[in-house]
Amino acid sequence: GGYVADHIGSGRTIVVSLFTLAIALSLLPTTS
């Protein structure tokens, strides 16, 4: 996370992380 934040900025890292988290959690029941 620190490496990514250093290269693309902390704001973008947070946005990508939260978006990825939302997608992964939302798709989890479909792959059970």
PDB file of all heavy atoms in Angstrom:
ATOM      1  N   GLY A   1       0.806  -1.213   0.000  1.00  0.00           N
ATOM      2  CA  GLY A   1       0.000   0.000   0.000  1.00  0.00           C
ATOM      3  C   GLY A   1       0.836   1.256   0.000  1.00  0.00           C
ATOM      4  O   GLY A   1       0.526   2.232  -0.683  1.00  0.00           O
ATOM      5  N   GLY A   2       1.925   1.242   0.774  1.00  0.00           N
ATOM      6  CA  GLY A   2       2.815   2.393   0.804  1.00  0.00           C
ATOM      7  C   GLY A   2       3.508   2.602  -0.527  1.00  0.00           C
ATOM      8  O   GLY A   2       3.661   3.732  -0.997  1.00  0.00           O
ATOM      9  N   TYR A   3       3.920   1.515  -1.149  1.00  0.00           N
ATOM     10  CA  TYR A   3       4.575   1.585  -2.450  1.00  0.00           C
ATOM     11  C   TYR A   3       3.632   2.183  -3.489  1.00  0.00           C
ATOM     12  O   TYR A   3       4.005   3.078  -4.237  1.00  0.00           O
ATOM     13  CB  TYR A   3       5.034   0.187  -2.871  1.00  0.00           C
ATOM     14  CG  TYR A   3       5.664   0.137  -4.233  1.00  0.00           C
ATOM     15  CD1 TYR A   3       7.002   0.484  -4.410  1.00  0.00           C
ATOM     16  CD2 TYR A   3       4.919  -0.248  -5.344  1.00  0.00           C
ATOM     17  CE1 TYR A   3       7.581   0.443  -5.668  1.00  0.00           C
ATOM     18  CE2 TYR A   3       5.491  -0.294  -6.604  1.00  0.00           C
ATOM     19  CZ  TYR A   3       6.818   0.050  -6.763  1.00  0.00           C
ATOM     20  OH  TYR A   3       7.390   0.020  -8.010  1.00  0.00           O
ATOM     21  N   VAL A   4       2.402   1.681  -3.519  1.00  0.00           N
ATOM     22  CA  VAL A   4       1.427   2.173  -4.489  1.00  0.00           C
ATOM     23  C   VAL A   4       1.102   3.643  -4.208  1.00  0.00           C
ATOM     24  O   VAL A   4       1.034   4.458  -5.127  1.00  0.00           O
ATOM     25  CB  VAL A   4       0.150   1.306  -4.481  1.00  0.00           C
ATOM     26  CG1 VAL A   4      -0.929   1.889  -5.373  1.00  0.00           C
ATOM     27  CG2 VAL A   4       0.478  -0.115  -4.905  1.00  0.00           C
ATOM     28  N   ALA A   5       0.917   3.993  -2.943  1.00  0.00           N
ATOM     29  CA  ALA A   5       0.607   5.384  -2.585  1.00  0.00           C
ATOM     30  C   ALA A   5       1.742   6.319  -2.983  1.00  0.00           C
ATOM     31  O   ALA A   5       1.499   7.456  -3.409  1.00  0.00           O
ATOM     32  CB  ALA A   5       0.322   5.492  -1.093  1.00  0.00           C
ATOM     33  N   ASP A   6       2.976   5.859  -2.847  1.00  0.00           N
ATOM     34  CA  ASP A   6       4.120   6.682  -3.245  1.00  0.00           C
ATOM     35  C   ASP A   6       4.146   6.932  -4.739  1.00  0.00           C
ATOM     36  O   ASP A   6       4.621   7.971  -5.189  1.00  0.00           O
ATOM     37  CB  ASP A   6       5.432   6.019  -2.831  1.00  0.00           C
ATOM     38  CG  ASP A   6       5.686   6.092  -1.340  1.00  0.00           C
ATOM     39  OD1 ASP A   6       5.032   6.918  -0.662  1.00  0.00           O
ATOM     40  OD2 ASP A   6       6.533   5.314  -0.847  1.00  0.00           O
ATOM     41  N   HIS A   7       3.631   5.986  -5.522  1.00  0.00           N
ATOM     42  CA  HIS A   7       3.723   6.108  -6.976  1.00  0.00           C
ATOM     43  C   HIS A   7       2.500   6.733  -7.633  1.00  0.00           C
ATOM     44  O   HIS A   7       2.650   7.441  -8.633  1.00  0.00           O
ATOM     45  CB  HIS A   7       4.013   4.739  -7.599  1.00  0.00           C
ATOM     46  CG  HIS A   7       5.414   4.284  -7.329  1.00  0.00           C
ATOM     47  ND1 HIS A   7       6.504   4.792  -7.991  1.00  0.00           N
ATOM     48  CD2 HIS A   7       5.901   3.407  -6.436  1.00  0.00           C
ATOM     49  CE1 HIS A   7       7.601   4.235  -7.535  1.00  0.00           C
ATOM     50  NE2 HIS A   7       7.261   3.390  -6.570  1.00  0.00           N
ATOM     51  N   ILE A   8       1.311   6.500  -7.096  1.00  0.00           N
ATOM     52  CA  ILE A   8       0.124   7.092  -7.732  1.00  0.00           C
ATOM     53  C   ILE A   8      -0.610   8.061  -6.809  1.00  0.00           C
ATOM     54  O   ILE A   8      -1.586   8.667  -7.221  1.00  0.00           O
ATOM     55  CB  ILE A   8      -0.854   6.010  -8.249  1.00  0.00           C
ATOM     56  CG1 ILE A   8      -1.505   5.229  -7.107  1.00  0.00           C
ATOM     57  CG2 ILE A   8      -0.173   5.078  -9.228  1.00  0.00           C
ATOM     58  CD1 ILE A   8      -2.665   4.346  -7.550  1.00  0.00           C
ATOM     59  N   GLY A   9      -0.159   8.203  -5.584  1.00  0.00           N
ATOM     60  CA  GLY A   9      -0.793   9.115  -4.633  1.00  0.00           C
ATOM     61  C   GLY A   9      -1.734   8.379  -3.696  1.00  0.00           C
ATOM     62  O   GLY A   9      -2.328   7.362  -4.064  1.00  0.00           O
ATOM     63  N   SER A  10      -1.852   8.905  -2.496  1.00  0.00           N
ATOM     64  CA  SER A  10      -2.688   8.233  -1.497  1.00  0.00           C
ATOM     65  C   SER A  10      -4.168   8.297  -1.853  1.00  0.00           C
ATOM     66  O   SER A  10      -4.912   7.340  -1.616  1.00  0.00           O
ATOM     67  CB  SER A  10      -2.438   8.818  -0.107  1.00  0.00           C
ATOM     68  OG  SER A  10      -2.723  10.197  -0.086  1.00  0.00           O
ATOM     69  N   GLY A  11      -4.612   9.396  -2.438  1.00  0.00           N
ATOM     70  CA  GLY A  11      -6.028   9.520  -2.802  1.00  0.00           C
ATOM     71  C   GLY A  11      -6.444   8.484  -3.827  1.00  0.00           C
ATOM     72  O   GLY A  11      -7.461   7.807  -3.660  1.00  0.00           O
ATOM     73  N   ARG A  12      -5.660   8.342  -4.878  1.00  0.00           N
ATOM     74  CA  ARG A  12      -5.981   7.348  -5.903  1.00  0.00           C
ATOM     75  C   ARG A  12      -5.899   5.933  -5.342  1.00  0.00           C
ATOM     76  O   ARG A  12      -6.697   5.067  -5.697  1.00  0.00           O
ATOM     77  CB  ARG A  12      -5.032   7.488  -7.083  1.00  0.00           C
ATOM     78  CG  ARG A  12      -5.309   8.702  -7.923  1.00  0.00           C
ATOM     79  CD  ARG A  12      -4.410   8.741  -9.135  1.00  0.00           C
ATOM     80  NE  ARG A  12      -4.691   9.924  -9.919  1.00  0.00           N
ATOM     81  CZ  ARG A  12      -3.799  10.590 -10.595  1.00  0.00           C
ATOM     82  NH1 ARG A  12      -2.544  10.183 -10.605  1.00  0.00           N
ATOM     83  NH2 ARG A  12      -4.137  11.648 -11.276  1.00  0.00           N
ATOM     84  N   THR A  13      -4.926   5.695  -4.474  1.00  0.00           N
ATOM     85  CA  THR A  13      -4.787   4.374  -3.876  1.00  0.00           C
ATOM     86  C   THR A  13      -6.021   4.026  -3.060  1.00  0.00           C
ATOM     87  O   THR A  13      -6.533   2.895  -3.132  1.00  0.00           O
ATOM     88  CB  THR A  13      -3.529   4.311  -2.991  1.00  0.00           C
ATOM     89  OG1 THR A  13      -2.389   4.647  -3.785  1.00  0.00           O
ATOM     90  CG2 THR A  13      -3.340   2.942  -2.382  1.00  0.00           C
ATOM     91  N   ILE A  14      -6.519   4.989  -2.293  1.00  0.00           N
ATOM     92  CA  ILE A  14      -7.717   4.744  -1.483  1.00  0.00           C
ATOM     93  C   ILE A  14      -8.928   4.473  -2.367  1.00  0.00           C
ATOM     94  O   ILE A  14      -9.706   3.549  -2.104  1.00  0.00           O
ATOM     95  CB  ILE A  14      -7.958   5.928  -0.525  1.00  0.00           C
ATOM     96  CG1 ILE A  14      -6.837   5.999   0.522  1.00  0.00           C
ATOM     97  CG2 ILE A  14      -9.326   5.826   0.144  1.00  0.00           C
ATOM     98  CD1 ILE A  14      -6.811   7.277   1.326  1.00  0.00           C
ATOM     99  N   VAL A  15      -9.082   5.250  -3.426  1.00  0.00           N
ATOM    100  CA  VAL A  15     -10.216   5.057  -4.340  1.00  0.00           C
ATOM    101  C   VAL A  15     -10.168   3.667  -4.971  1.00  0.00           C
ATOM    102  O   VAL A  15     -11.166   2.931  -4.975  1.00  0.00           O
ATOM    103  CB  VAL A  15     -10.250   6.157  -5.423  1.00  0.00           C
ATOM    104  CG1 VAL A  15     -11.220   5.809  -6.539  1.00  0.00           C
ATOM    105  CG2 VAL A  15     -10.616   7.497  -4.803  1.00  0.00           C
ATOM    106  N   VAL A  16      -9.009   3.279  -5.494  1.00  0.00           N
ATOM    107  CA  VAL A  16      -8.878   1.965  -6.133  1.00  0.00           C
ATOM    108  C   VAL A  16      -9.104   0.855  -5.105  1.00  0.00           C
ATOM    109  O   VAL A  16      -9.786  -0.142  -5.386  1.00  0.00           O
ATOM    110  CB  VAL A  16      -7.503   1.826  -6.821  1.00  0.00           C
ATOM    111  CG1 VAL A  16      -7.252   0.392  -7.268  1.00  0.00           C
ATOM    112  CG2 VAL A  16      -7.403   2.779  -7.999  1.00  0.00           C
ATOM    113  N   SER A  17      -8.577   1.014  -3.907  1.00  0.00           N
ATOM    114  CA  SER A  17      -8.736  -0.004  -2.865  1.00  0.00           C
ATOM    115  C   SER A  17     -10.194  -0.176  -2.478  1.00  0.00           C
ATOM    116  O   SER A  17     -10.689  -1.310  -2.380  1.00  0.00           O
ATOM    117  CB  SER A  17      -7.920   0.364  -1.627  1.00  0.00           C
ATOM    118  OG  SER A  17      -6.557   0.349  -1.914  1.00  0.00           O
ATOM    119  N   LEU A  18     -10.900   0.922  -2.238  1.00  0.00           N
ATOM    120  CA  LEU A  18     -12.303   0.829  -1.845  1.00  0.00           C
ATOM    121  C   LEU A  18     -13.169   0.274  -2.963  1.00  0.00           C
ATOM    122  O   LEU A  18     -14.087  -0.513  -2.719  1.00  0.00           O
ATOM    123  CB  LEU A  18     -12.819   2.190  -1.373  1.00  0.00           C
ATOM    124  CG  LEU A  18     -12.264   2.678  -0.044  1.00  0.00           C
ATOM    125  CD1 LEU A  18     -12.726   4.107   0.238  1.00  0.00           C
ATOM    126  CD2 LEU A  18     -12.676   1.749   1.086  1.00  0.00           C
ATOM    127  N   PHE A  19     -12.874   0.671  -4.193  1.00  0.00           N
ATOM    128  CA  PHE A  19     -13.636   0.147  -5.328  1.00  0.00           C
ATOM    129  C   PHE A  19     -13.398  -1.360  -5.476  1.00  0.00           C
ATOM    130  O   PHE A  19     -14.342  -2.131  -5.659  1.00  0.00           O
ATOM    131  CB  PHE A  19     -13.252   0.884  -6.619  1.00  0.00           C
ATOM    132  CG  PHE A  19     -14.050   0.447  -7.805  1.00  0.00           C
ATOM    133  CD1 PHE A  19     -15.371   0.835  -7.948  1.00  0.00           C
ATOM    134  CD2 PHE A  19     -13.478  -0.355  -8.778  1.00  0.00           C
ATOM    135  CE1 PHE A  19     -16.116   0.422  -9.036  1.00  0.00           C
ATOM    136  CE2 PHE A  19     -14.213  -0.768  -9.877  1.00  0.00           C
ATOM    137  CZ  PHE A  19     -15.532  -0.377 -10.011  1.00  0.00           C
ATOM    138  N   THR A  20     -12.141  -1.784  -5.376  1.00  0.00           N
ATOM    139  CA  THR A  20     -11.815  -3.211  -5.464  1.00  0.00           C
ATOM    140  C   THR A  20     -12.476  -3.986  -4.340  1.00  0.00           C
ATOM    141  O   THR A  20     -13.008  -5.088  -4.546  1.00  0.00           O
ATOM    142  CB  THR A  20     -10.286  -3.411  -5.425  1.00  0.00           C
ATOM    143  OG1 THR A  20      -9.698  -2.675  -6.502  1.00  0.00           O
ATOM    144  CG2 THR A  20      -9.912  -4.870  -5.539  1.00  0.00           C
ATOM    145  N   LEU A  21     -12.463  -3.416  -3.145  1.00  0.00           N
ATOM    146  CA  LEU A  21     -13.105  -4.057  -2.003  1.00  0.00           C
ATOM    147  C   LEU A  21     -14.603  -4.228  -2.238  1.00  0.00           C
ATOM    148  O   LEU A  21     -15.169  -5.300  -1.989  1.00  0.00           O
ATOM    149  CB  LEU A  21     -12.854  -3.231  -0.740  1.00  0.00           C
ATOM    150  CG  LEU A  21     -13.439  -3.744   0.558  1.00  0.00           C
ATOM    151  CD1 LEU A  21     -12.843  -5.097   0.918  1.00  0.00           C
ATOM    152  CD2 LEU A  21     -13.187  -2.739   1.669  1.00  0.00           C
ATOM    153  N   ALA A  22     -15.253  -3.194  -2.729  1.00  0.00           N
ATOM    154  CA  ALA A  22     -16.699  -3.264  -2.991  1.00  0.00           C
ATOM    155  C   ALA A  22     -17.019  -4.324  -4.035  1.00  0.00           C
ATOM    156  O   ALA A  22     -17.965  -5.114  -3.860  1.00  0.00           O
ATOM    157  CB  ALA A  22     -17.218  -1.899  -3.440  1.00  0.00           C
ATOM    158  N   ILE A  23     -16.239  -4.380  -5.096  1.00  0.00           N
ATOM    159  CA  ILE A  23     -16.478  -5.371  -6.153  1.00  0.00           C
ATOM    160  C   ILE A  23     -16.235  -6.781  -5.632  1.00  0.00           C
ATOM    161  O   ILE A  23     -17.048  -7.689  -5.850  1.00  0.00           O
ATOM    162  CB  ILE A  23     -15.585  -5.077  -7.378  1.00  0.00           C
ATOM    163  CG1 ILE A  23     -15.963  -3.739  -8.003  1.00  0.00           C
ATOM    164  CG2 ILE A  23     -15.668  -6.210  -8.402  1.00  0.00           C
ATOM    165  CD1 ILE A  23     -17.377  -3.646  -8.518  1.00  0.00           C
ATOM    166  N   ALA A  24     -15.108  -6.980  -4.944  1.00  0.00           N
ATOM    167  CA  ALA A  24     -14.777  -8.322  -4.440  1.00  0.00           C
ATOM    168  C   ALA A  24     -15.845  -8.828  -3.472  1.00  0.00           C
ATOM    169  O   ALA A  24     -16.280  -9.985  -3.566  1.00  0.00           O
ATOM    170  CB  ALA A  24     -13.402  -8.311  -3.776  1.00  0.00           C
ATOM    171  N   LEU A  25     -16.265  -7.975  -2.555  1.00  0.00           N
ATOM    172  CA  LEU A  25     -17.287  -8.405  -1.594  1.00  0.00           C
ATOM    173  C   LEU A  25     -18.623  -8.665  -2.272  1.00  0.00           C
ATOM    174  O   LEU A  25     -19.325  -9.622  -1.931  1.00  0.00           O
ATOM    175  CB  LEU A  25     -17.454  -7.355  -0.494  1.00  0.00           C
ATOM    176  CG  LEU A  25     -16.339  -7.311   0.545  1.00  0.00           C
ATOM    177  CD1 LEU A  25     -16.521  -6.111   1.463  1.00  0.00           C
ATOM    178  CD2 LEU A  25     -16.303  -8.592   1.348  1.00  0.00           C
ATOM    179  N   SER A  26     -18.976  -7.834  -3.227  1.00  0.00           N
ATOM    180  CA  SER A  26     -20.270  -7.999  -3.906  1.00  0.00           C
ATOM    181  C   SER A  26     -20.313  -9.260  -4.756  1.00  0.00           C
ATOM    182  O   SER A  26     -21.369  -9.870  -4.911  1.00  0.00           O
ATOM    183  CB  SER A  26     -20.567  -6.780  -4.775  1.00  0.00           C
ATOM    184  OG  SER A  26     -20.688  -5.632  -3.967  1.00  0.00           O
ATOM    185  N   LEU A  27     -19.185  -9.665  -5.303  1.00  0.00           N
ATOM    186  CA  LEU A  27     -19.147 -10.858  -6.152  1.00  0.00           C
ATOM    187  C   LEU A  27     -18.949 -12.148  -5.360  1.00  0.00           C
ATOM    188  O   LEU A  27     -19.169 -13.234  -5.886  1.00  0.00           O
ATOM    189  CB  LEU A  27     -18.034 -10.729  -7.194  1.00  0.00           C
ATOM    190  CG  LEU A  27     -18.250  -9.694  -8.291  1.00  0.00           C
ATOM    191  CD1 LEU A  27     -17.028  -9.628  -9.206  1.00  0.00           C
ATOM    192  CD2 LEU A  27     -19.501 -10.004  -9.095  1.00  0.00           C
ATOM    193  N   LEU A  28     -18.536 -12.039  -4.121  1.00  0.00           N
ATOM    194  CA  LEU A  28     -18.220 -13.227  -3.329  1.00  0.00           C
ATOM    195  C   LEU A  28     -19.362 -14.250  -3.255  1.00  0.00           C
ATOM    196  O   LEU A  28     -19.111 -15.452  -3.432  1.00  0.00           O
ATOM    197  CB  LEU A  28     -17.767 -12.809  -1.930  1.00  0.00           C
ATOM    198  CG  LEU A  28     -17.018 -13.843  -1.116  1.00  0.00           C
ATOM    199  CD1 LEU A  28     -15.789 -14.345  -1.851  1.00  0.00           C
ATOM    200  CD2 LEU A  28     -16.610 -13.252   0.227  1.00  0.00           C
ATOM    201  N   PRO A  29     -20.608 -13.851  -3.039  1.00  0.00           N
ATOM    202  CA  PRO A  29     -21.677 -14.864  -2.989  1.00  0.00           C
ATOM    203  C   PRO A  29     -21.872 -15.610  -4.307  1.00  0.00           C
ATOM    204  O   PRO A  29     -22.331 -16.743  -4.306  1.00  0.00           O
ATOM    205  CB  PRO A  29     -22.931 -14.061  -2.641  1.00  0.00           C
ATOM    206  CG  PRO A  29     -22.436 -12.826  -1.998  1.00  0.00           C
ATOM    207  CD  PRO A  29     -21.123 -12.530  -2.661  1.00  0.00           C
ATOM    208  N   THR A  30     -21.511 -14.990  -5.417  1.00  0.00           N
ATOM    209  CA  THR A  30     -21.707 -15.649  -6.710  1.00  0.00           C
ATOM    210  C   THR A  30     -20.670 -16.730  -6.972  1.00  0.00           C
ATOM    211  O   THR A  30     -20.865 -17.558  -7.858  1.00  0.00           O
ATOM    212  CB  THR A  30     -21.668 -14.626  -7.862  1.00  0.00           C
ATOM    213  OG1 THR A  30     -20.356 -14.056  -7.930  1.00  0.00           O
ATOM    214  CG2 THR A  30     -22.697 -13.532  -7.666  1.00  0.00           C
ATOM    215  N   THR A  31     -19.574 -16.722  -6.226  1.00  0.00           N
ATOM    216  CA  THR A  31     -18.520 -17.714  -6.456  1.00  0.00           C
ATOM    217  C   THR A  31     -18.433 -18.749  -5.337  1.00  0.00           C
ATOM    218  O   THR A  31     -17.495 -19.542  -5.312  1.00  0.00           O
ATOM    219  CB  THR A  31     -17.152 -17.021  -6.575  1.00  0.00           C
ATOM    220  OG1 THR A  31     -16.831 -16.394  -5.353  1.00  0.00           O
ATOM    221  CG2 THR A  31     -17.130 -16.027  -7.713  1.00  0.00           C
ATOM    222  N   SER A  32     -19.380 -18.742  -4.426  1.00  0.00           N
ATOM    223  CA  SER A  32     -19.283 -19.622  -3.256  1.00  0.00           C
ATOM    224  C   SER A  32     -19.245 -21.102  -3.613  1.00  0.00           C
ATOM    225  O   SER A  32     -18.724 -21.915  -2.851  1.00  0.00           O
ATOM    226  CB  SER A  32     -20.419 -19.341  -2.278  1.00  0.00           C
ATOM    227  OG  SER A  32     -21.661 -19.588  -2.883  1.00  0.00           O
TER     228      SER A  32
END
